[in-house]
Amino acid sequence: MDKVTDVRNKFAREISEILFLLKEVGSGRIYGFPGNCTPGDDELKTNVDTLTEKFNDLLDQIESGKDPVTGESAE
């Protein structure tokens, strides 16, 4: 499978920042609340894990150039 666009390298800084925030939320660090850190629960971690997986799947689809609906190459 050839990459059409190297999104991970092109947007490495932005992706790194997003993944860092997802990791922080998943570990219970929620910024913007009093005390700057509020413990999360298992449901929050599950949602963050799912979001992270979907985000990585999306990057794979973008890089491969496949249509997300059909799975066929966009070329």
Protein backbone atom coordinates (compact mmCIF):
# COMPACT_ATOMS: atom_id res chain seq x y z
CA MET A 1 0.00 0.00 0.00
CA ASP A 2 1.61 3.26 -1.16
CA LYS A 3 1.11 6.45 0.78
CA VAL A 4 -0.48 9.30 -1.14
CA THR A 5 0.19 11.93 1.55
CA ASP A 6 2.48 11.61 4.56
CA VAL A 7 0.08 13.26 7.01
CA ARG A 8 1.92 11.99 10.09
CA ASN A 9 5.13 13.84 9.12
CA LYS A 10 3.45 16.87 7.61
CA PHE A 11 1.37 17.47 10.74
CA ALA A 12 3.64 15.78 13.31
CA ARG A 13 3.55 18.66 15.80
CA GLU A 14 -0.22 19.02 15.71
CA ILE A 15 -0.79 15.28 15.96
CA SER A 16 1.66 15.03 18.84
CA GLU A 17 -0.17 17.76 20.74
CA ILE A 18 -3.55 16.10 20.22
CA LEU A 19 -2.28 12.68 21.26
CA PHE A 20 -0.64 14.20 24.35
CA LEU A 21 -3.93 15.79 25.39
CA LEU A 22 -5.82 12.54 24.80
CA LYS A 23 -3.28 10.70 26.97
CA GLU A 24 -3.61 13.29 29.74
CA VAL A 25 -7.42 13.10 29.70
CA GLY A 26 -7.25 9.31 29.63
CA SER A 27 -5.10 9.31 32.74
CA GLY A 28 -7.59 11.58 34.53
CA ARG A 29 -5.92 14.94 33.99
CA ILE A 30 -8.65 17.29 32.81
CA TYR A 31 -7.37 20.84 32.40
CA GLY A 32 -9.48 23.94 32.96
CA PHE A 33 -11.16 22.73 36.16
CA PRO A 34 -10.39 24.08 39.66
CA GLY A 35 -7.11 22.62 40.88
CA ASN A 36 -6.15 22.00 37.22
CA CYS A 37 -6.54 18.23 37.64
CA THR A 38 -9.76 16.31 38.15
CA PRO A 39 -9.70 12.50 38.43
CA GLY A 40 -11.46 10.72 35.56
CA ASP A 41 -13.35 7.45 35.56
CA ASP A 42 -13.14 4.24 33.54
CA GLU A 43 -15.82 5.44 31.12
CA LEU A 44 -13.73 8.50 30.26
CA LYS A 45 -10.65 6.34 29.65
CA THR A 46 -12.65 3.98 27.42
CA ASN A 47 -13.89 6.93 25.37
CA VAL A 48 -10.40 8.38 25.03
CA ASP A 49 -8.99 4.99 23.99
CA THR A 50 -11.73 4.65 21.36
CA LEU A 51 -11.15 8.19 20.11
CA THR A 52 -7.41 7.57 19.84
CA GLU A 53 -8.01 4.38 17.84
CA LYS A 54 -10.43 6.16 15.49
CA PHE A 55 -7.96 9.03 15.06
CA ASN A 56 -5.19 6.60 14.06
CA ASP A 57 -7.55 4.77 11.68
CA LEU A 58 -8.41 8.09 10.04
CA LEU A 59 -4.75 8.90 9.54
CA ASP A 60 -4.24 5.50 7.93
CA GLN A 61 -7.13 6.15 5.55
CA ILE A 62 -5.82 9.61 4.63
CA GLU A 63 -2.33 8.30 4.02
CA SER A 64 -3.45 5.40 1.87
CA GLY A 65 -5.81 7.59 -0.14
CA LYS A 66 -8.70 5.18 0.34
CA ASP A 67 -12.31 6.33 0.39
CA PRO A 68 -13.59 5.95 3.98
CA VAL A 69 -17.01 4.72 2.80
CA THR A 70 -16.08 2.26 0.06
CA GLY A 71 -12.51 1.40 1.05
CA GLU A 72 -11.57 1.84 -2.60
CA SER A 73 -8.58 3.87 -3.73
CA ALA A 74 -9.51 7.50 -4.40
CA GLU A 75 -7.41 7.52 -7.59
